[in-house]
């Protein structure tokens, strides 16, 4: 295995873990119903953007691996 591929896999995995941690924090905050409605709407938008960001990270890593091989 090439060092480029190993680095790409580790980098992508780390970014996904950070994204998942953000999603878990948002989920825990969202479960508390004592938060105002506009804050909950903002959290839902951030949740959607986080899912999109994680998806783009995965797609980009796969594209780089396919191009490099």
PDB file of N, CA and C in Angstrom:
ATOM      1  N   UNK A   1       0.842  -1.175   0.000  1.00  0.00           N
ATOM      2  CA  UNK A   1       0.000   0.000   0.000  1.00  0.00           C
ATOM      3  C   UNK A   1       0.892   1.244   0.000  1.00  0.00           C
ATOM      4  N   UNK A   2       0.559   2.140  -0.836  1.00  0.00           N
ATOM      5  CA  UNK A   2       1.261   3.395  -1.013  1.00  0.00           C
ATOM      6  C   UNK A   2       1.012   4.303   0.189  1.00  0.00           C
ATOM      7  N   UNK A   3       1.982   5.154   0.537  1.00  0.00           N
ATOM      8  CA  UNK A   3       1.796   6.092   1.647  1.00  0.00           C
ATOM      9  C   UNK A   3       0.698   7.111   1.335  1.00  0.00           C
ATOM     10  N   UNK A   4       0.544   7.480   0.071  1.00  0.00           N
ATOM     11  CA  UNK A   4      -0.522   8.402  -0.313  1.00  0.00           C
ATOM     12  C   UNK A   4      -1.885   7.805   0.006  1.00  0.00           C
ATOM     13  N   UNK A   5      -2.079   6.553  -0.338  1.00  0.00           N
ATOM     14  CA  UNK A   5      -3.362   5.891  -0.094  1.00  0.00           C
ATOM     15  C   UNK A   5      -3.611   5.742   1.402  1.00  0.00           C
ATOM     16  N   UNK A   6      -2.587   5.342   2.142  1.00  0.00           N
ATOM     17  CA  UNK A   6      -2.736   5.201   3.590  1.00  0.00           C
ATOM     18  C   UNK A   6      -3.075   6.543   4.226  1.00  0.00           C
ATOM     19  N   UNK A   7      -2.390   7.601   3.803  1.00  0.00           N
ATOM     20  CA  UNK A   7      -2.670   8.928   4.336  1.00  0.00           C
ATOM     21  C   UNK A   7      -4.067   9.396   3.984  1.00  0.00           C
ATOM     22  N   UNK A   8      -4.503   9.121   2.761  1.00  0.00           N
ATOM     23  CA  UNK A   8      -5.849   9.512   2.343  1.00  0.00           C
ATOM     24  C   UNK A   8      -6.914   8.793   3.169  1.00  0.00           C
ATOM     25  N   UNK A   9      -6.702   7.507   3.394  1.00  0.00           N
ATOM     26  CA  UNK A   9      -7.666   6.736   4.183  1.00  0.00           C
ATOM     27  C   UNK A   9      -7.716   7.240   5.619  1.00  0.00           C
ATOM     28  N   UNK A  10      -6.566   7.494   6.230  1.00  0.00           N
ATOM     29  CA  UNK A  10      -6.538   8.000   7.604  1.00  0.00           C
ATOM     30  C   UNK A  10      -7.147   9.401   7.698  1.00  0.00           C
ATOM     31  N   UNK A  11      -6.848  10.262   6.732  1.00  0.00           N
ATOM     32  CA  UNK A  11      -7.400  11.604   6.714  1.00  0.00           C
ATOM     33  C   UNK A  11      -8.916  11.574   6.587  1.00  0.00           C
ATOM     34  N   UNK A  12      -9.415  10.775   5.675  1.00  0.00           N
ATOM     35  CA  UNK A  12     -10.854  10.664   5.462  1.00  0.00           C
ATOM     36  C   UNK A  12     -11.544  10.083   6.691  1.00  0.00           C
ATOM     37  N   UNK A  13     -10.954   9.069   7.288  1.00  0.00           N
ATOM     38  CA  UNK A  13     -11.528   8.463   8.485  1.00  0.00           C
ATOM     39  C   UNK A  13     -11.600   9.476   9.627  1.00  0.00           C
ATOM     40  N   UNK A  14     -10.551  10.259   9.806  1.00  0.00           N
ATOM     41  CA  UNK A  14     -10.547  11.279  10.849  1.00  0.00           C
ATOM     42  C   UNK A  14     -11.613  12.337  10.629  1.00  0.00           C
ATOM     43  N   UNK A  15     -11.771  12.788   9.389  1.00  0.00           N
ATOM     44  CA  UNK A  15     -12.800  13.780   9.078  1.00  0.00           C
ATOM     45  C   UNK A  15     -14.200  13.224   9.326  1.00  0.00           C
ATOM     46  N   UNK A  16     -14.405  11.970   8.978  1.00  0.00           N
ATOM     47  CA  UNK A  16     -15.710  11.347   9.202  1.00  0.00           C
ATOM     48  C   UNK A  16     -15.989  11.218  10.696  1.00  0.00           C
ATOM     49  N   UNK A  17     -14.979  10.852  11.483  1.00  0.00           N
ATOM     50  CA  UNK A  17     -15.166  10.758  12.931  1.00  0.00           C
ATOM     51  C   UNK A  17     -15.532  12.119  13.530  1.00  0.00           C
ATOM     52  N   UNK A  18     -14.881  13.181  13.069  1.00  0.00           N
ATOM     53  CA  UNK A  18     -15.211  14.523  13.554  1.00  0.00           C
ATOM     54  C   UNK A  18     -16.641  14.880  13.172  1.00  0.00           C
ATOM     55  N   UNK A  19     -17.028  14.564  11.938  1.00  0.00           N
ATOM     56  CA  UNK A  19     -18.397  14.831  11.500  1.00  0.00           C
ATOM     57  C   UNK A  19     -19.423  14.058  12.310  1.00  0.00           C
ATOM     58  N   UNK A  20     -19.119  12.810  12.599  1.00  0.00           N
ATOM     59  CA  UNK A  20     -20.040  12.005  13.405  1.00  0.00           C
ATOM     60  C   UNK A  20     -20.143  12.539  14.832  1.00  0.00           C
ATOM     61  N   UNK A  21     -19.032  13.039  15.377  1.00  0.00           N
ATOM     62  CA  UNK A  21     -19.072  13.619  16.721  1.00  0.00           C
ATOM     63  C   UNK A  21     -19.975  14.853  16.732  1.00  0.00           C
ATOM     64  N   UNK A  22     -19.884  15.675  15.699  1.00  0.00           N
ATOM     65  CA  UNK A  22     -20.755  16.851  15.598  1.00  0.00           C
ATOM     66  C   UNK A  22     -22.211  16.420  15.518  1.00  0.00           C
ATOM     67  N   UNK A  23     -22.493  15.392  14.718  1.00  0.00           N
ATOM     68  CA  UNK A  23     -23.861  14.902  14.596  1.00  0.00           C
ATOM     69  C   UNK A  23     -24.393  14.374  15.920  1.00  0.00           C
ATOM     70  N   UNK A  24     -23.551  13.688  16.686  1.00  0.00           N
ATOM     71  CA  UNK A  24     -23.992  13.162  17.984  1.00  0.00           C
ATOM     72  C   UNK A  24     -24.291  14.292  18.957  1.00  0.00           C
ATOM     73  N   UNK A  25     -23.474  15.344  18.949  1.00  0.00           N
ATOM     74  CA  UNK A  25     -23.727  16.488  19.832  1.00  0.00           C
ATOM     75  C   UNK A  25     -25.039  17.155  19.442  1.00  0.00           C
ATOM     76  N   UNK A  26     -25.253  17.358  18.135  1.00  0.00           N
ATOM     77  CA  UNK A  26     -26.502  17.961  17.688  1.00  0.00           C
ATOM     78  C   UNK A  26     -27.701  17.096  18.076  1.00  0.00           C
ATOM     79  N   UNK A  27     -27.547  15.786  17.977  1.00  0.00           N
ATOM     80  CA  UNK A  27     -28.647  14.892  18.331  1.00  0.00           C
ATOM     81  C   UNK A  27     -28.984  15.006  19.813  1.00  0.00           C
ATOM     82  N   UNK A  28     -27.952  15.062  20.652  1.00  0.00           N
ATOM     83  CA  UNK A  28     -28.193  15.183  22.097  1.00  0.00           C
ATOM     84  C   UNK A  28     -28.853  16.514  22.445  1.00  0.00           C
ATOM     85  N   UNK A  29     -28.437  17.573  21.790  1.00  0.00           N
ATOM     86  CA  UNK A  29     -29.055  18.881  22.041  1.00  0.00           C
ATOM     87  C   UNK A  29     -30.489  18.876  21.524  1.00  0.00           C
ATOM     88  N   UNK A  30     -30.708  18.251  20.378  1.00  0.00           N
ATOM     89  CA  UNK A  30     -32.027  18.225  19.768  1.00  0.00           C
ATOM     90  C   UNK A  30     -33.032  17.466  20.633  1.00  0.00           C
ATOM     91  N   UNK A  31     -32.549  16.448  21.371  1.00  0.00           N
ATOM     92  CA  UNK A  31     -33.446  15.665  22.222  1.00  0.00           C
ATOM     93  C   UNK A  31     -34.000  16.489  23.386  1.00  0.00           C
ATOM     94  N   UNK A  32     -33.263  17.516  23.820  1.00  0.00           N
ATOM     95  CA  UNK A  32     -33.742  18.372  24.895  1.00  0.00           C
ATOM     96  C   UNK A  32     -34.789  19.310  24.311  1.00  0.00           C
ATOM     97  N   UNK A  33     -35.980  19.239  24.834  1.00  0.00           N
ATOM     98  CA  UNK A  33     -37.070  20.034  24.287  1.00  0.00           C
ATOM     99  C   UNK A  33     -37.203  21.390  24.964  1.00  0.00           C
ATOM    100  N   UNK A  34     -36.245  21.741  25.798  1.00  0.00           N
ATOM    101  CA  UNK A  34     -36.301  23.035  26.479  1.00  0.00           C
ATOM    102  C   UNK A  34     -35.674  24.146  25.640  1.00  0.00           C
ATOM    103  N   UNK A  35     -35.225  23.812  24.462  1.00  0.00           N
ATOM    104  CA  UNK A  35     -34.561  24.774  23.592  1.00  0.00           C
ATOM    105  C   UNK A  35     -35.609  25.442  22.707  1.00  0.00           C
ATOM    106  N   UNK A  36     -35.381  26.706  22.406  1.00  0.00           N
ATOM    107  CA  UNK A  36     -36.328  27.455  21.593  1.00  0.00           C
ATOM    108  C   UNK A  36     -36.422  26.892  20.180  1.00  0.00           C
ATOM    109  N   UNK A  37     -37.551  27.147  19.567  1.00  0.00           N
ATOM    110  CA  UNK A  37     -37.856  26.575  18.256  1.00  0.00           C
ATOM    111  C   UNK A  37     -36.869  27.019  17.179  1.00  0.00           C
ATOM    112  N   UNK A  38     -36.460  28.283  17.178  1.00  0.00           N
ATOM    113  CA  UNK A  38     -35.541  28.748  16.131  1.00  0.00           C
ATOM    114  C   UNK A  38     -34.164  28.094  16.265  1.00  0.00           C
ATOM    115  N   UNK A  39     -33.775  27.773  17.485  1.00  0.00           N
ATOM    116  CA  UNK A  39     -32.508  27.068  17.692  1.00  0.00           C
ATOM    117  C   UNK A  39     -32.619  25.641  17.165  1.00  0.00           C
ATOM    118  N   UNK A  40     -33.748  25.004  17.391  1.00  0.00           N
ATOM    119  CA  UNK A  40     -33.945  23.655  16.876  1.00  0.00           C
ATOM    120  C   UNK A  40     -33.935  23.635  15.345  1.00  0.00           C
ATOM    121  N   UNK A  41     -34.516  24.672  14.726  1.00  0.00           N
ATOM    122  CA  UNK A  41     -34.484  24.759  13.253  1.00  0.00           C
ATOM    123  C   UNK A  41     -33.046  24.900  12.754  1.00  0.00           C
ATOM    124  N   UNK A  42     -32.265  25.725  13.445  1.00  0.00           N
ATOM    125  CA  UNK A  42     -30.864  25.907  13.061  1.00  0.00           C
ATOM    126  C   UNK A  42     -30.093  24.598  13.213  1.00  0.00           C
ATOM    127  N   UNK A  43     -30.379  23.851  14.278  1.00  0.00           N
ATOM    128  CA  UNK A  43     -29.719  22.562  14.478  1.00  0.00           C
ATOM    129  C   UNK A  43     -30.074  21.579  13.368  1.00  0.00           C
ATOM    130  N   UNK A  44     -31.331  21.608  12.930  1.00  0.00           N
ATOM    131  CA  UNK A  44     -31.740  20.709  11.847  1.00  0.00           C
ATOM    132  C   UNK A  44     -31.004  21.054  10.552  1.00  0.00           C
ATOM    133  N   UNK A  45     -30.811  22.349  10.275  1.00  0.00           N
ATOM    134  CA  UNK A  45     -30.054  22.761   9.084  1.00  0.00           C
ATOM    135  C   UNK A  45     -28.599  22.319   9.196  1.00  0.00           C
ATOM    136  N   UNK A  46     -28.005  22.497  10.375  1.00  0.00           N
ATOM    137  CA  UNK A  46     -26.623  22.076  10.578  1.00  0.00           C
ATOM    138  C   UNK A  46     -26.491  20.562  10.452  1.00  0.00           C
ATOM    139  N   UNK A  47     -27.490  19.824  10.921  1.00  0.00           N
ATOM    140  CA  UNK A  47     -27.498  18.362  10.800  1.00  0.00           C
ATOM    141  C   UNK A  47     -27.467  17.972   9.321  1.00  0.00           C
ATOM    142  N   UNK A  48     -28.307  18.622   8.518  1.00  0.00           N
ATOM    143  CA  UNK A  48     -28.373  18.327   7.088  1.00  0.00           C
ATOM    144  C   UNK A  48     -27.048  18.661   6.411  1.00  0.00           C
ATOM    145  N   UNK A  49     -26.480  19.812   6.734  1.00  0.00           N
ATOM    146  CA  UNK A  49     -25.199  20.188   6.142  1.00  0.00           C
ATOM    147  C   UNK A  49     -24.079  19.247   6.578  1.00  0.00           C
ATOM    148  N   UNK A  50     -24.132  18.767   7.807  1.00  0.00           N
ATOM    149  CA  UNK A  50     -23.116  17.816   8.278  1.00  0.00           C
ATOM    150  C   UNK A  50     -23.204  16.499   7.517  1.00  0.00           C
ATOM    151  N   UNK A  51     -24.421  16.004   7.300  1.00  0.00           N
ATOM    152  CA  UNK A  51     -24.601  14.771   6.528  1.00  0.00           C
ATOM    153  C   UNK A  51     -24.084  14.969   5.110  1.00  0.00           C
ATOM    154  N   UNK A  52     -24.398  16.110   4.506  1.00  0.00           N
ATOM    155  CA  UNK A  52     -23.924  16.410   3.157  1.00  0.00           C
ATOM    156  C   UNK A  52     -22.404  16.482   3.130  1.00  0.00           C
ATOM    157  N   UNK A  53     -21.814  17.123   4.129  1.00  0.00           N
ATOM    158  CA  UNK A  53     -20.358  17.235   4.189  1.00  0.00           C
ATOM    159  C   UNK A  53     -19.677  15.883   4.325  1.00  0.00           C
ATOM    160  N   UNK A  54     -20.199  15.018   5.179  1.00  0.00           N
ATOM    161  CA  UNK A  54     -19.628  13.679   5.338  1.00  0.00           C
ATOM    162  C   UNK A  54     -19.752  12.905   4.031  1.00  0.00           C
ATOM    163  N   UNK A  55     -20.882  13.036   3.360  1.00  0.00           N
ATOM    164  CA  UNK A  55     -21.075  12.355   2.079  1.00  0.00           C
ATOM    165  C   UNK A  55     -20.064  12.842   1.045  1.00  0.00           C
ATOM    166  N   UNK A  56     -19.836  14.145   0.992  1.00  0.00           N
ATOM    167  CA  UNK A  56     -18.867  14.689   0.038  1.00  0.00           C
ATOM    168  C   UNK A  56     -17.441  14.246   0.360  1.00  0.00           C
ATOM    169  N   UNK A  57     -17.113  14.143   1.638  1.00  0.00           N
ATOM    170  CA  UNK A  57     -15.790  13.657   2.028  1.00  0.00           C
ATOM    171  C   UNK A  57     -15.594  12.228   1.532  1.00  0.00           C
ATOM    172  N   UNK A  58     -16.595  11.387   1.721  1.00  0.00           N
ATOM    173  CA  UNK A  58     -16.500   9.991   1.289  1.00  0.00           C
ATOM    174  C   UNK A  58     -16.405   9.907  -0.230  1.00  0.00           C
ATOM    175  N   UNK A  59     -17.252  10.659  -0.943  1.00  0.00           N
ATOM    176  CA  UNK A  59     -17.231  10.635  -2.410  1.00  0.00           C
ATOM    177  C   UNK A  59     -15.886  11.131  -2.932  1.00  0.00           C
ATOM    178  N   UNK A  60     -15.371  12.206  -2.341  1.00  0.00           N
ATOM    179  CA  UNK A  60     -14.077  12.730  -2.763  1.00  0.00           C
ATOM    180  C   UNK A  60     -12.937  11.743  -2.537  1.00  0.00           C
ATOM    181  N   UNK A  61     -12.956  11.054  -1.413  1.00  0.00           N
ATOM    182  CA  UNK A  61     -11.915  10.069  -1.120  1.00  0.00           C
ATOM    183  C   UNK A  61     -11.983   8.902  -2.091  1.00  0.00           C
ATOM    184  N   UNK A  62     -13.185   8.439  -2.377  1.00  0.00           N
ATOM    185  CA  UNK A  62     -13.339   7.342  -3.342  1.00  0.00           C
ATOM    186  C   UNK A  62     -12.850   7.779  -4.719  1.00  0.00           C
ATOM    187  N   UNK A  63     -13.182   8.995  -5.130  1.00  0.00           N
ATOM    188  CA  UNK A  63     -12.739   9.488  -6.434  1.00  0.00           C
ATOM    189  C   UNK A  63     -11.215   9.579  -6.488  1.00  0.00           C
ATOM    190  N   UNK A  64     -10.593  10.045  -5.407  1.00  0.00           N
ATOM    191  CA  UNK A  64      -9.131  10.132  -5.376  1.00  0.00           C
ATOM    192  C   UNK A  64      -8.496   8.745  -5.438  1.00  0.00           C
ATOM    193  N   UNK A  65      -9.080   7.785  -4.726  1.00  0.00           N
ATOM    194  CA  UNK A  65      -8.537   6.427  -4.761  1.00  0.00           C
ATOM    195  C   UNK A  65      -8.657   5.813  -6.156  1.00  0.00           C
ATOM    196  N   UNK A  66      -9.797   6.004  -6.790  1.00  0.00           N
ATOM    197  CA  UNK A  66     -10.008   5.455  -8.134  1.00  0.00           C
ATOM    198  C   UNK A  66      -9.053   6.117  -9.116  1.00  0.00           C
ATOM    199  N   UNK A  67      -8.870   7.435  -9.010  1.00  0.00           N
ATOM    200  CA  UNK A  67      -7.990   8.149  -9.928  1.00  0.00           C
ATOM    201  C   UNK A  67      -6.543   7.744  -9.705  1.00  0.00           C
ATOM    202  N   UNK A  68      -6.171   7.549  -8.446  1.00  0.00           N
ATOM    203  CA  UNK A  68      -4.767   7.234  -8.140  1.00  0.00           C
ATOM    204  C   UNK A  68      -4.410   5.802  -8.524  1.00  0.00           C
ATOM    205  N   UNK A  69      -5.350   4.900  -8.458  1.00  0.00           N
ATOM    206  CA  UNK A  69      -5.060   3.514  -8.792  1.00  0.00           C
ATOM    207  C   UNK A  69      -5.154   3.375 -10.258  1.00  0.00           C
TER     208      UNK A  69
END
